[in-house]
Amino acid sequence: MLEKEKEFLQQREEHLMEDGRHVIIKCINCGKDLADIWITKPDVKIESRISCLCPYCNEYTAAIKIDGQYCLGELENSSVAIVDTNVEEYEGECFCQHVTIETQLK
């Protein structure tokens, strides 16, 4: 195998997403589904606490804890409008971040 082919396959492997699981964030006030969290690399040492602002009732959800790398997905009736991330603390090789998502109606 040529060196360029090896490099391409290695880069592709690094960017592949693993289907760790899905987490649907729901509004605690009105019960609507707000965001779809796909955990793509559960072994990555990142701890995230994610909350959403509901476009239906304008209330924030309680923060949920997600371990690993993730992607945000849209749902049938809402989409991601704004994402604000604050890294709070470092703990060795792992870090914790607080993420606030504002969703909007489609």
Protein backbone atom coordinates (compact mmCIF):
# COMPACT_ATOMS: atom_id res chain seq x y z
CA MET A 1 0.00 0.00 0.00
CA LEU A 2 1.28 3.44 -0.89
CA GLU A 3 2.13 5.92 1.86
CA LYS A 4 -0.64 8.32 0.70
CA GLU A 5 -3.22 5.52 0.87
CA LYS A 6 -2.12 4.65 4.42
CA GLU A 7 -2.36 8.31 5.45
CA PHE A 8 -5.83 8.63 3.90
CA LEU A 9 -7.11 5.50 5.67
CA GLN A 10 -5.67 6.65 9.00
CA GLN A 11 -7.32 10.08 8.69
CA ARG A 12 -10.62 8.48 7.69
CA GLU A 13 -10.48 6.16 10.72
CA GLU A 14 -9.89 9.13 13.06
CA HIS A 15 -13.03 10.89 11.77
CA LEU A 16 -15.40 7.92 11.72
CA MET A 17 -18.30 8.22 14.12
CA GLU A 18 -19.15 5.40 16.43
CA ASP A 19 -22.81 5.06 17.34
CA GLY A 20 -22.45 5.19 21.12
CA ARG A 21 -26.12 6.03 21.73
CA HIS A 22 -28.71 8.76 21.35
CA VAL A 23 -30.00 11.10 24.00
CA ILE A 24 -33.11 13.17 23.26
CA ILE A 25 -33.29 16.32 25.38
CA LYS A 26 -36.86 17.09 26.41
CA CYS A 27 -38.28 20.23 28.00
CA ILE A 28 -39.06 19.57 31.66
CA ASN A 29 -41.85 22.14 31.56
CA CYS A 30 -43.86 21.26 28.42
CA GLY A 31 -42.42 17.83 27.50
CA LYS A 32 -41.42 18.74 23.90
CA ASP A 33 -38.39 17.10 22.26
CA LEU A 34 -35.70 19.75 21.73
CA ALA A 35 -32.40 18.24 20.57
CA ASP A 36 -30.91 14.91 19.55
CA ILE A 37 -27.47 14.18 21.01
CA TRP A 38 -25.50 11.46 19.19
CA ILE A 39 -22.63 10.16 21.29
CA THR A 40 -20.07 9.46 18.58
CA LYS A 41 -16.92 8.63 20.53
CA PRO A 42 -17.80 7.54 24.07
CA ASP A 43 -14.17 6.81 24.99
CA VAL A 44 -12.97 10.40 24.50
CA LYS A 45 -12.35 11.95 27.91
CA ILE A 46 -14.82 14.83 27.77
CA GLU A 47 -17.61 15.41 30.25
CA SER A 48 -20.36 17.74 29.02
CA ARG A 49 -23.33 19.14 30.88
CA ILE A 50 -25.90 20.17 28.28
CA SER A 51 -29.06 22.21 28.74
CA CYS A 52 -31.51 23.57 26.15
CA LEU A 53 -33.70 26.62 25.91
CA CYS A 54 -37.18 25.54 24.80
CA PRO A 55 -38.71 27.61 21.96
CA TYR A 56 -42.22 26.53 23.01
CA CYS A 57 -42.26 27.80 26.61
CA ASN A 58 -38.95 29.74 26.87
CA GLU A 59 -37.68 27.65 29.82
CA TYR A 60 -34.28 25.96 30.21
CA THR A 61 -34.03 22.22 30.71
CA ALA A 62 -32.03 20.74 33.56
CA ALA A 63 -28.44 19.99 32.52
CA ILE A 64 -27.84 16.41 31.43
CA LYS A 65 -24.40 14.77 31.65
CA ILE A 66 -22.85 13.35 28.48
CA ASP A 67 -19.53 11.48 28.54
CA GLY A 68 -17.50 11.41 25.33
CA GLN A 69 -17.54 13.25 22.02
CA TYR A 70 -20.96 13.99 20.55
CA CYS A 71 -22.80 15.61 17.66
CA LEU A 72 -25.99 17.63 17.82
CA GLY A 73 -28.90 16.60 15.64
CA GLU A 74 -32.15 18.23 14.69
CA LEU A 75 -35.58 16.86 15.37
CA GLU A 76 -38.75 16.97 13.31
CA ASN A 77 -40.10 20.22 14.79
CA SER A 78 -37.04 21.97 16.23
CA SER A 79 -33.51 22.78 15.16
CA VAL A 80 -30.35 24.07 16.83
CA ALA A 81 -30.02 27.85 16.61
CA ILE A 82 -27.17 28.81 18.98
CA VAL A 83 -24.62 26.74 20.91
CA ASP A 84 -22.63 28.33 23.75
CA THR A 85 -19.81 26.30 25.33
CA ASN A 86 -17.87 27.17 28.48
CA VAL A 87 -14.96 25.01 29.60
CA GLU A 88 -15.04 25.13 33.37
CA GLU A 89 -12.26 22.93 34.68
CA TYR A 90 -9.49 20.60 33.70
CA GLU A 91 -9.00 17.31 35.50
CA GLY A 92 -5.87 15.64 34.20
CA GLU A 93 -6.61 14.40 30.69
CA CYS A 94 -10.37 14.94 31.03
CA PHE A 95 -12.14 18.27 30.89
CA CYS A 96 -15.61 19.40 31.76
CA GLN A 97 -17.66 21.76 29.63
CA HIS A 98 -21.04 23.38 30.09
CA VAL A 99 -23.06 23.66 26.89
CA THR A 100 -26.22 25.71 26.42
CA ILE A 101 -28.27 25.10 23.29
CA GLU A 102 -30.95 27.46 22.03
CA THR A 103 -33.41 25.67 19.78
CA GLN A 104 -35.91 27.16 17.36
CA LEU A 105 -39.08 25.96 15.70
CA LYS A 106 -38.76 24.77 12.11
